[in-house]
Protein backbone atom coordinates (compact mmCIF):
# COMPACT_ATOMS: atom_id res chain seq x y z
CA MET A 1 3.99 -6.63 24.49
CA VAL A 2 6.69 -5.94 21.92
CA ILE A 3 5.79 -9.08 19.99
CA ASN A 4 2.19 -7.88 19.77
CA GLU A 5 3.34 -4.59 18.20
CA ILE A 6 5.61 -6.41 15.75
CA LEU A 7 2.74 -8.67 14.72
CA THR A 8 0.49 -5.65 14.26
CA ILE A 9 3.08 -3.94 12.05
CA ALA A 10 3.50 -7.16 10.06
CA PHE A 11 -0.28 -7.43 9.67
CA PHE A 12 -0.63 -3.93 8.24
CA THR A 13 2.41 -4.33 6.02
CA PHE A 14 1.01 -7.59 4.66
CA GLN A 15 -2.42 -6.04 4.09
CA GLY A 16 -0.81 -3.23 2.06
CA PHE A 17 1.22 -5.75 0.09
CA LEU A 18 -1.89 -7.86 -0.51
CA GLY A 19 -3.77 -4.82 -1.82
CA ALA A 20 -0.91 -4.05 -4.21
CA PHE A 21 -0.79 -7.69 -5.31
CA VAL A 22 -4.49 -7.67 -6.16
CA SER A 23 -4.01 -4.39 -8.03
CA VAL A 24 -1.23 -5.92 -10.13
CA LEU A 25 -3.29 -9.07 -10.62
CA PHE A 26 -6.21 -7.08 -12.05
CA LYS A 27 -3.98 -4.92 -14.26
CA SER A 28 -1.79 -7.70 -15.63
CA ARG A 29 -2.46 -9.04 -19.08
CA ASN A 30 -0.05 -11.94 -18.85
CA PRO A 31 1.75 -13.84 -16.07
CA GLN A 32 5.11 -12.28 -16.98
CA TYR A 33 3.85 -8.86 -15.88
CA MET A 34 3.51 -10.17 -12.31
CA LYS A 35 7.33 -10.49 -12.21
CA SER A 36 8.18 -7.22 -13.97
CA TRP A 37 9.97 -4.33 -12.27
CA LYS A 38 6.84 -2.16 -12.45
CA ALA A 39 4.88 -4.82 -10.56
CA VAL A 40 7.64 -5.22 -7.97
CA LYS A 41 7.64 -1.45 -7.39
CA ARG A 42 3.90 -1.62 -6.80
CA TYR A 43 4.37 -4.48 -4.29
CA ILE A 44 6.99 -2.50 -2.40
CA THR A 45 4.86 0.65 -2.46
CA GLY A 46 1.88 -1.30 -1.12
CA ALA A 47 3.93 -2.70 1.75
CA ILE A 48 5.28 0.76 2.60
CA VAL A 49 1.80 2.26 2.52
CA GLY A 50 0.61 -0.54 4.81
CA TYR A 51 3.44 0.26 7.23
CA ILE A 52 2.55 3.96 7.17
CA PHE A 53 -1.10 3.09 7.79
CA TYR A 54 -0.02 1.30 10.97
CA PHE A 55 0.59 4.71 12.50
CA LEU A 56 -2.87 5.93 11.45
CA HIS A 57 -5.02 3.00 12.53
CA SER A 58 -7.73 3.00 15.19
CA GLU A 59 -8.69 0.30 17.67
CA TYR A 60 -11.26 -1.31 15.35
CA ASN A 61 -9.63 -4.21 13.55
CA PHE A 62 -11.91 -5.02 10.60
CA PRO A 63 -12.22 -1.48 9.14
CA ASN A 64 -8.47 -1.05 9.54
CA ALA A 65 -7.77 -4.19 7.53
CA VAL A 66 -10.11 -3.14 4.74
CA THR A 67 -8.79 0.43 4.66
CA CYS A 68 -5.19 -0.76 4.65
CA PHE A 69 -5.98 -3.15 1.80
CA VAL A 70 -7.53 -0.29 -0.20
CA PHE A 71 -4.54 1.95 0.53
CA GLY A 72 -2.24 -0.82 -0.70
CA TYR A 73 -4.40 -1.27 -3.79
CA ALA A 74 -4.29 2.42 -4.70
CA GLY A 75 -1.02 3.34 -2.96
CA GLU A 76 1.05 4.14 -6.04
CA ASP A 77 -1.73 6.26 -7.54
CA ILE A 78 -2.23 8.16 -4.28
CA ILE A 79 1.49 8.90 -4.00
CA LYS A 80 1.70 10.07 -7.64
CA ASN A 81 -1.24 12.43 -7.15
CA LEU A 82 0.19 13.85 -3.92
CA VAL A 83 3.55 14.50 -5.60
CA GLU A 84 1.82 16.27 -8.50
CA ILE A 85 -0.15 18.48 -6.09
CA ILE A 86 2.98 19.36 -4.14
CA LEU A 87 4.94 20.19 -7.30
CA GLU A 88 2.11 22.38 -8.62
CA ARG A 89 1.97 24.34 -5.37
CA ARG A 90 5.72 24.91 -5.38
CA LYS A 91 5.55 26.40 -8.87
CA LYS A 92 3.08 29.09 -7.74
């Protein structure tokens, strides 16, 4: 039972990481960018977003995998936009 939950968490974390990896792959102009600190931050953010999505998933497996991948792909952009919205509301 516990192993099943751990595997599910690992699955979502990997899906988020995979989405971030594909995002970096599409945005990179040379292979050195894949190892840069900016790319590593995106990998970590994708994995964290995948872990957070674990708590939001439903019982349907395929849509969860796709949605988690998309969240990992756009995770850094989503977080930046949320932070900007929060900071704007605090200024008012």
